[in-house]
Amino acid sequence: MNKLSLKLKITLWYTSILIVLSFFILYAMTGISQSILIRDIKDNMIKSVNDFAIDITDLRYQKDGITQIPEHSFYSMGVQMAVYNSFGEIVYGRPPFGITEVLEFKDNTLKLHRYNNSEYYIYDRILNVDTDEELCVRGIICLSNETKAIETAVQYNLLSIFIFILL
């Protein structure tokens, strides 16, 4: 190292500081983006399920039973929903994301669940629509689908950092 010129030593030192700083900034930006995305996913999920639960309740009070719910109503802002009875059987809709496991229903509770190597947020809203009947609206959103954009952006950023280093 003693044989290197002072100009080269300063250049290498400066370059190494910039590389470390770039990785630190990328790490911080990724962490902040991830937490903002997760917060927005949770908020959208809760809003979608609550709105759908209100619609189900309104239909229930208007008619003597739910005759038909439009198919597109079971999907909103990336959230797939289904309506279950008190026995855990699907009454309306399809199993969200093909998840067929019967999980315990907890009113107004957001849970993280792993299924087939993917992570899902699950939010339940229990409705007492009749004196003897209880329905549960369950919303599920896949985190793998939602966080893929951030993972791709991080990969492109890392690639661009290495390209700039080589230049």
Foldseek 3Di string as FASTA:
>chain_A
DVPDDPVVVVVVVVLVVVLVVLVVVLVVVLVVVVVVLVVVVVVQQVVLQVVLVVVLLVCVVVDVDNDDDDQCSQDDPQKGKFKAWPVQHTPDDDPVVPDPDRDDADAQDWDWDDDPNWIKIKHKHWDCNDPPIIMIMIIIHTVCVSCVVSVVVSVVSVVVSVVVSVD
